[in-house]
């Protein structure tokens, strides 16, 4: 069969089933957050309403000790996607956009979903425990993806501490420390009763943020990052050529001192592509002119040295050749 008879070489949009399969874990997480917010705030769907007037009181799906006592066992998961207003939603989505894609690229899509859920659940557990035992408040609702997102920020900051935060002029390490320090300060003021009155107008989720951040920190440390001899998955890069067919896979070389997360392989088989490309297809030029220099850059300076455009080029080439 000619390469031009294959589905991925045909012009026009891909079939819907193929389009679904090509969506990444990050895209599904981000879309789910947006969809829930639009349904609740745009269409008044799934709201808690006043029993007499039916006036909307708050979005449904938040978690609290009272909610769990009433048998709402689904709230530990639904609260991860429910937001109390526009500003919490926009802030969380901004951090999810920057941190979620990078965690997925560095660890994996499954690790992204796992860490998102675990950080959110641990953050909720810390928040509910402190609220119930220290603040004597069992009805305070927790909702939003902030604990999950902070876990992603910490997990990436531990692995790539010197990389600069987009739009800011500080490193990932400094940004993560700033977020944790602010939340720790708010937590101390809240526990000691010195939190300013203007800051008490909204329920503080600082304990959830601390719990989620620690979950991300521990996850990255458990894989060997942040230690004196941490794995350097993208700094030791080896290119291999095969003769089995067209493929684009990334094979990072792990340090032998500690295990690290499983990551996809990268092999570039230009000769196989050329043999199947008698018509001088521009895909070969893509490999030669754009992908090869990027692979050389990874080999010399590591994955963290790539720009957003270079990462997108690799992803685009991977989707077209990994079939």
Protein backbone atom coordinates (compact mmCIF):
# COMPACT_ATOMS: atom_id res chain seq x y z
CA UNK A 1 0.00 0.00 0.00
CA UNK A 2 1.35 3.41 -0.96
CA UNK A 3 1.95 5.96 1.76
CA UNK A 4 -0.62 8.21 0.06
CA UNK A 5 -3.35 5.57 0.51
CA UNK A 6 -3.02 5.70 4.28
CA UNK A 7 -5.54 7.59 6.39
CA UNK A 8 -3.07 10.03 7.90
CA UNK A 9 -1.85 11.13 4.45
CA UNK A 10 -5.30 11.94 3.09
CA UNK A 11 -6.52 15.48 2.88
CA UNK A 12 -9.48 16.73 4.88
CA UNK A 13 -10.40 16.42 8.56
CA UNK A 14 -9.85 13.05 10.28
CA UNK A 15 -12.84 10.86 11.23
CA UNK A 16 -14.48 11.75 14.52
CA UNK A 17 -13.31 8.55 16.22
CA UNK A 18 -9.72 9.24 15.24
CA UNK A 19 -10.04 12.83 16.38
CA UNK A 20 -11.23 11.63 19.80
CA UNK A 21 -8.32 9.21 20.13
CA UNK A 22 -5.81 11.94 19.33
CA UNK A 23 -6.90 14.16 22.21
CA UNK A 24 -4.40 14.25 25.08
CA UNK A 25 -5.06 13.87 28.79
CA UNK A 26 -4.37 17.55 29.29
CA UNK A 27 -6.95 18.50 26.66
CA UNK A 28 -9.59 16.32 28.31
CA UNK A 29 -8.90 17.75 31.77
CA UNK A 30 -8.97 21.31 30.53
CA UNK A 31 -12.13 20.73 28.49
CA UNK A 32 -13.90 19.09 31.43
CA UNK A 33 -13.19 22.08 33.66
CA UNK A 34 -14.47 24.49 31.01
CA UNK A 35 -17.55 22.41 30.27
CA UNK A 36 -18.59 22.16 33.92
CA UNK A 37 -18.09 25.88 34.43
CA UNK A 38 -20.12 26.81 31.34
CA UNK A 39 -22.95 24.47 32.32
CA UNK A 40 -23.14 25.81 35.86
CA UNK A 41 -22.53 29.50 35.31
CA UNK A 42 -23.84 29.86 31.78
CA UNK A 43 -26.93 27.65 31.95
CA UNK A 44 -27.65 27.55 35.73
CA UNK A 45 -27.23 23.78 35.67
CA UNK A 46 -26.51 21.82 38.89
CA UNK A 47 -27.01 24.59 41.45
CA UNK A 48 -28.12 24.39 45.07
CA UNK A 49 -31.32 26.46 45.33
CA UNK A 50 -33.37 27.94 48.11
CA UNK A 51 -36.18 25.58 49.10
CA UNK A 52 -38.82 28.34 49.16
CA UNK A 53 -37.83 30.84 46.48
CA UNK A 54 -35.78 28.51 44.25
CA UNK A 55 -33.16 31.25 44.06
CA UNK A 56 -29.69 29.88 43.19
CA UNK A 57 -27.40 29.79 46.21
CA UNK A 58 -24.17 28.17 45.02
CA UNK A 59 -22.89 25.65 42.48
CA UNK A 60 -23.49 22.04 43.46
CA UNK A 61 -20.61 19.60 43.79
CA UNK A 62 -18.51 21.24 46.50
CA UNK A 63 -17.13 19.15 49.34
CA UNK A 64 -17.40 19.67 53.09
CA UNK A 65 -17.66 17.51 56.19
CA UNK A 66 -21.41 18.13 56.27
CA UNK A 67 -21.78 17.20 52.60
CA UNK A 68 -20.01 13.89 53.21
CA UNK A 69 -22.11 13.28 56.34
CA UNK A 70 -25.24 13.74 54.23
CA UNK A 71 -24.11 10.92 51.95
CA UNK A 72 -22.81 13.00 49.05
CA UNK A 73 -20.00 10.55 48.35
CA UNK A 74 -19.34 11.95 44.86
CA UNK A 75 -18.15 15.35 46.10
CA UNK A 76 -14.47 14.36 46.59
CA UNK A 77 -14.26 14.12 42.79
CA UNK A 78 -16.83 16.65 41.60
CA UNK A 79 -15.27 19.45 43.64
CA UNK A 80 -12.14 19.17 41.47
CA UNK A 81 -14.07 20.64 38.52
CA UNK A 82 -16.56 23.01 40.22
CA UNK A 83 -15.61 26.66 40.70
CA UNK A 84 -17.15 29.31 42.92
CA UNK A 85 -16.81 32.17 40.42
CA UNK A 86 -15.08 33.64 37.42
CA UNK A 87 -11.82 34.70 39.09
CA UNK A 88 -11.04 31.32 40.71
CA UNK A 89 -11.86 29.63 37.42
CA UNK A 90 -9.67 31.90 35.29
CA UNK A 91 -6.75 31.70 37.71
CA UNK A 92 -6.88 27.92 37.91
CA UNK A 93 -7.22 27.51 34.15
CA UNK A 94 -4.26 29.80 33.54
CA UNK A 95 -2.04 27.71 35.82
CA UNK A 96 -3.44 24.46 34.41
CA UNK A 97 -2.65 25.65 30.89
CA UNK A 98 0.98 26.37 31.69
CA UNK A 99 1.70 23.58 34.19
CA UNK A 100 -0.55 20.79 32.88
CA UNK A 101 0.99 20.60 29.41
CA UNK A 102 4.50 20.56 30.82
CA UNK A 103 3.75 17.84 33.37
CA UNK A 104 2.23 15.74 30.60
CA UNK A 105 5.29 16.24 28.38
CA UNK A 106 7.75 15.49 31.19
CA UNK A 107 5.98 12.61 32.93
CA UNK A 108 3.04 11.23 30.89
CA UNK A 109 -0.66 11.75 30.29
CA UNK A 110 -1.57 9.12 32.87
CA UNK A 111 0.71 10.75 35.42
CA UNK A 112 -0.99 14.07 34.74
CA UNK A 113 -4.47 12.68 35.48
CA UNK A 114 -3.21 10.71 38.49
CA UNK A 115 -1.43 13.69 40.00
CA UNK A 116 -4.37 16.02 39.29
CA UNK A 117 -6.72 13.70 41.22
CA UNK A 118 -4.32 12.77 44.04
CA UNK A 119 -3.27 16.37 44.71
CA UNK A 120 -6.91 17.48 44.75
CA UNK A 121 -7.99 14.66 47.07
CA UNK A 122 -5.10 15.16 49.49
CA UNK A 123 -5.71 18.91 49.49
CA UNK A 124 -9.39 18.36 50.28
CA UNK A 125 -8.51 15.96 53.10
CA UNK A 126 -6.15 18.49 54.69
CA UNK A 127 -8.65 21.33 54.28
CA UNK A 128 -11.54 19.38 55.82
CA UNK A 129 -9.45 18.08 58.71
CA UNK A 130 -8.15 21.54 59.64
CA UNK A 131 -11.60 23.12 59.23
CA UNK A 132 -13.27 20.50 61.41
CA UNK A 133 -10.71 20.15 64.21
CA UNK A 134 -8.85 23.47 64.32
CA UNK A 135 -11.45 25.94 63.05
CA UNK A 136 -14.53 24.02 64.31
CA UNK A 137 -16.30 24.52 61.00
CA UNK A 138 -17.77 21.46 59.30
CA UNK A 139 -19.90 23.32 56.78
CA UNK A 140 -17.21 25.28 54.93
CA UNK A 141 -17.34 24.22 51.28
CA UNK A 142 -14.29 23.51 49.18
CA UNK A 143 -14.52 23.66 45.41
CA UNK A 144 -12.15 24.31 42.54
CA UNK A 145 -9.06 22.85 40.88
CA UNK A 146 -6.59 25.00 42.81
CA UNK A 147 -5.15 22.18 44.94
CA UNK A 148 -4.76 19.95 41.88
CA UNK A 149 -3.15 22.72 39.86
CA UNK A 150 -0.71 23.60 42.62
CA UNK A 151 0.30 19.95 42.75
CA UNK A 152 1.12 20.11 39.04
CA UNK A 153 3.10 23.33 39.52
CA UNK A 154 5.20 21.78 42.30
CA UNK A 155 5.76 18.53 40.40
CA UNK A 156 7.13 20.42 37.42
CA UNK A 157 9.13 22.89 39.51
CA UNK A 158 10.95 20.07 41.32
CA UNK A 159 11.88 18.42 38.02
CA UNK A 160 12.73 21.59 36.07
CA UNK A 161 13.61 24.16 38.76
CA UNK A 162 15.65 26.54 36.58
CA UNK A 163 13.19 26.84 33.70
CA UNK A 164 11.62 30.28 33.48
CA UNK A 165 7.91 30.69 34.18
CA UNK A 166 6.07 31.94 31.06
CA UNK A 167 5.14 35.64 31.25
CA UNK A 168 7.26 36.06 34.39
CA UNK A 169 10.95 36.63 35.00
CA UNK A 170 11.42 34.08 37.77
CA UNK A 171 12.30 30.41 37.74
CA UNK A 172 9.89 27.55 38.32
CA UNK A 173 11.52 26.93 41.70
CA UNK A 174 11.05 30.53 42.83
CA UNK A 175 7.45 30.62 41.59
CA UNK A 176 6.56 27.41 43.43
CA UNK A 177 8.21 28.62 46.64
CA UNK A 178 6.32 31.92 46.39
CA UNK A 179 2.95 30.18 46.02
CA UNK A 180 3.61 27.85 48.94
CA UNK A 181 4.96 30.67 51.14
CA UNK A 182 1.88 32.84 50.52
CA UNK A 183 -0.48 29.99 51.37
CA UNK A 184 1.55 29.05 54.45
CA UNK A 185 1.40 32.66 55.65
CA UNK A 186 -2.37 32.82 55.16
CA UNK A 187 -2.74 29.50 56.99
CA UNK A 188 -0.78 30.79 60.00
CA UNK A 189 -2.83 34.00 60.15
CA UNK A 190 -6.04 32.04 59.88
CA UNK A 191 -5.12 29.60 62.65
CA UNK A 192 -3.98 32.37 64.97
CA UNK A 193 -7.01 34.54 64.31
CA UNK A 194 -5.02 37.41 62.77
CA UNK A 195 -6.26 37.11 59.20
CA UNK A 196 -7.55 40.54 58.08
CA UNK A 197 -11.31 40.91 57.97
CA UNK A 198 -11.34 41.67 54.25
CA UNK A 199 -9.61 38.37 53.58
CA UNK A 200 -12.24 36.45 55.55
CA UNK A 201 -15.03 37.46 53.19
CA UNK A 202 -14.29 34.37 51.13
CA UNK A 203 -13.51 30.89 52.42
CA UNK A 204 -9.75 30.38 52.36
CA UNK A 205 -8.53 27.21 50.69
CA UNK A 206 -4.93 27.69 51.78
CA UNK A 207 -4.77 24.32 53.55
CA UNK A 208 -5.99 22.55 50.41
CA UNK A 209 -3.35 24.41 48.40
CA UNK A 210 -0.62 23.30 50.80
CA UNK A 211 -1.80 19.70 50.72
CA UNK A 212 -2.00 19.63 46.93
CA UNK A 213 1.41 21.27 46.56
CA UNK A 214 3.01 18.76 48.91
CA UNK A 215 1.45 15.92 46.90
CA UNK A 216 3.08 17.23 43.73
CA UNK A 217 6.40 17.75 45.50
CA UNK A 218 6.37 14.21 46.92
CA UNK A 219 5.41 12.71 43.56
CA UNK A 220 8.36 14.33 41.80
CA UNK A 221 10.75 13.44 44.63
CA UNK A 222 9.57 9.81 44.61
CA UNK A 223 10.77 9.61 40.99
CA UNK A 224 14.21 10.88 41.97
CA UNK A 225 13.89 14.53 40.95
CA UNK A 226 15.22 17.25 43.21
CA UNK A 227 17.99 15.09 44.64
CA UNK A 228 21.75 15.35 44.31
CA UNK A 229 21.75 12.52 41.76
CA UNK A 230 18.37 13.05 40.14
CA UNK A 231 17.59 11.45 36.78
CA UNK A 232 18.30 13.62 33.76
CA UNK A 233 15.87 12.13 31.27
CA UNK A 234 16.40 14.62 28.46
CA UNK A 235 20.07 15.53 28.92
CA UNK A 236 21.48 12.21 27.78
CA UNK A 237 19.89 11.57 24.41
CA UNK A 238 20.65 8.79 21.97
CA UNK A 239 19.43 8.63 18.39
CA UNK A 240 18.85 5.23 16.83
CA UNK A 241 17.87 4.39 13.27
CA UNK A 242 15.65 1.44 12.40
CA UNK A 243 14.70 -0.14 9.10
CA UNK A 244 11.20 -1.28 10.06
CA UNK A 245 9.21 1.74 8.91
CA UNK A 246 8.50 5.37 9.49
CA UNK A 247 8.47 6.34 13.13
CA UNK A 248 9.21 9.26 15.40
CA UNK A 249 9.83 8.24 18.97
CA UNK A 250 11.76 9.75 21.84
CA UNK A 251 14.04 7.52 23.96
CA UNK A 252 15.52 9.46 26.88
CA UNK A 253 18.42 7.82 28.63
CA UNK A 254 17.87 7.50 32.35
CA UNK A 255 20.50 7.84 35.02
CA UNK A 256 21.18 4.43 36.50
CA UNK A 257 21.19 5.61 40.09
CA UNK A 258 17.42 5.94 40.53
CA UNK A 259 14.30 4.86 38.65
CA UNK A 260 12.27 7.50 36.84
CA UNK A 261 8.92 7.78 35.14
CA UNK A 262 8.44 5.83 31.91
CA UNK A 263 8.50 8.12 28.91
CA UNK A 264 7.91 7.60 25.19
CA UNK A 265 10.76 6.68 22.87
CA UNK A 266 11.99 8.71 19.92
CA UNK A 267 13.57 7.06 16.90
CA UNK A 268 13.87 8.85 13.58
CA UNK A 269 13.91 6.61 10.52
CA UNK A 270 14.56 9.02 7.67
CA UNK A 271 15.70 6.33 5.23
CA UNK A 272 12.45 4.40 5.57
CA UNK A 273 10.50 7.60 5.04
CA UNK A 274 12.48 8.41 1.89
CA UNK A 275 11.98 4.90 0.50
CA UNK A 276 8.23 5.36 0.87
CA UNK A 277 8.44 8.88 -0.51
CA UNK A 278 9.36 8.71 -4.19
CA UNK A 279 7.23 11.78 -4.87
CA UNK A 280 9.41 14.12 -2.80
CA UNK A 281 6.75 14.72 -0.19
CA UNK A 282 7.24 17.78 2.06
CA UNK A 283 7.09 15.50 5.10
CA UNK A 284 10.68 14.50 4.41
CA UNK A 285 11.66 18.15 4.34
CA UNK A 286 9.89 18.56 7.69
CA UNK A 287 12.07 15.80 9.14
CA UNK A 288 15.27 17.11 7.60
CA UNK A 289 14.84 20.84 8.07
CA UNK A 290 12.88 21.08 11.34
CA UNK A 291 12.95 17.86 13.37
CA UNK A 292 16.64 16.96 13.00
CA UNK A 293 17.90 20.30 14.42
CA UNK A 294 15.50 19.94 17.33
CA UNK A 295 16.79 16.45 18.12
CA UNK A 296 20.36 17.76 17.97
CA UNK A 297 19.39 20.52 20.40
CA UNK A 298 17.90 17.98 22.81
CA UNK A 299 21.06 15.92 22.57
CA UNK A 300 23.26 18.92 23.39
CA UNK A 301 21.19 20.90 25.88
CA UNK A 302 18.28 18.75 27.09
CA UNK A 303 14.52 18.85 26.61
CA UNK A 304 14.19 21.88 28.85
CA UNK A 305 16.01 24.02 26.30
CA UNK A 306 13.23 23.70 23.70
CA UNK A 307 10.93 26.59 22.94
CA UNK A 308 7.16 26.22 22.68
CA UNK A 309 7.35 26.30 18.88
CA UNK A 310 9.95 23.53 18.86
CA UNK A 311 7.86 21.39 21.20
CA UNK A 312 4.85 21.86 18.95
CA UNK A 313 6.93 20.89 15.92
CA UNK A 314 7.95 17.62 17.59
CA UNK A 315 4.36 16.89 18.60
CA UNK A 316 3.13 17.61 15.07
CA UNK A 317 5.75 15.37 13.51
CA UNK A 318 5.06 12.64 16.05
CA UNK A 319 1.36 12.63 15.23
CA UNK A 320 2.10 12.32 11.50
CA UNK A 321 4.73 9.57 11.68
CA UNK A 322 3.78 7.46 14.74
CA UNK A 323 1.12 5.36 13.04
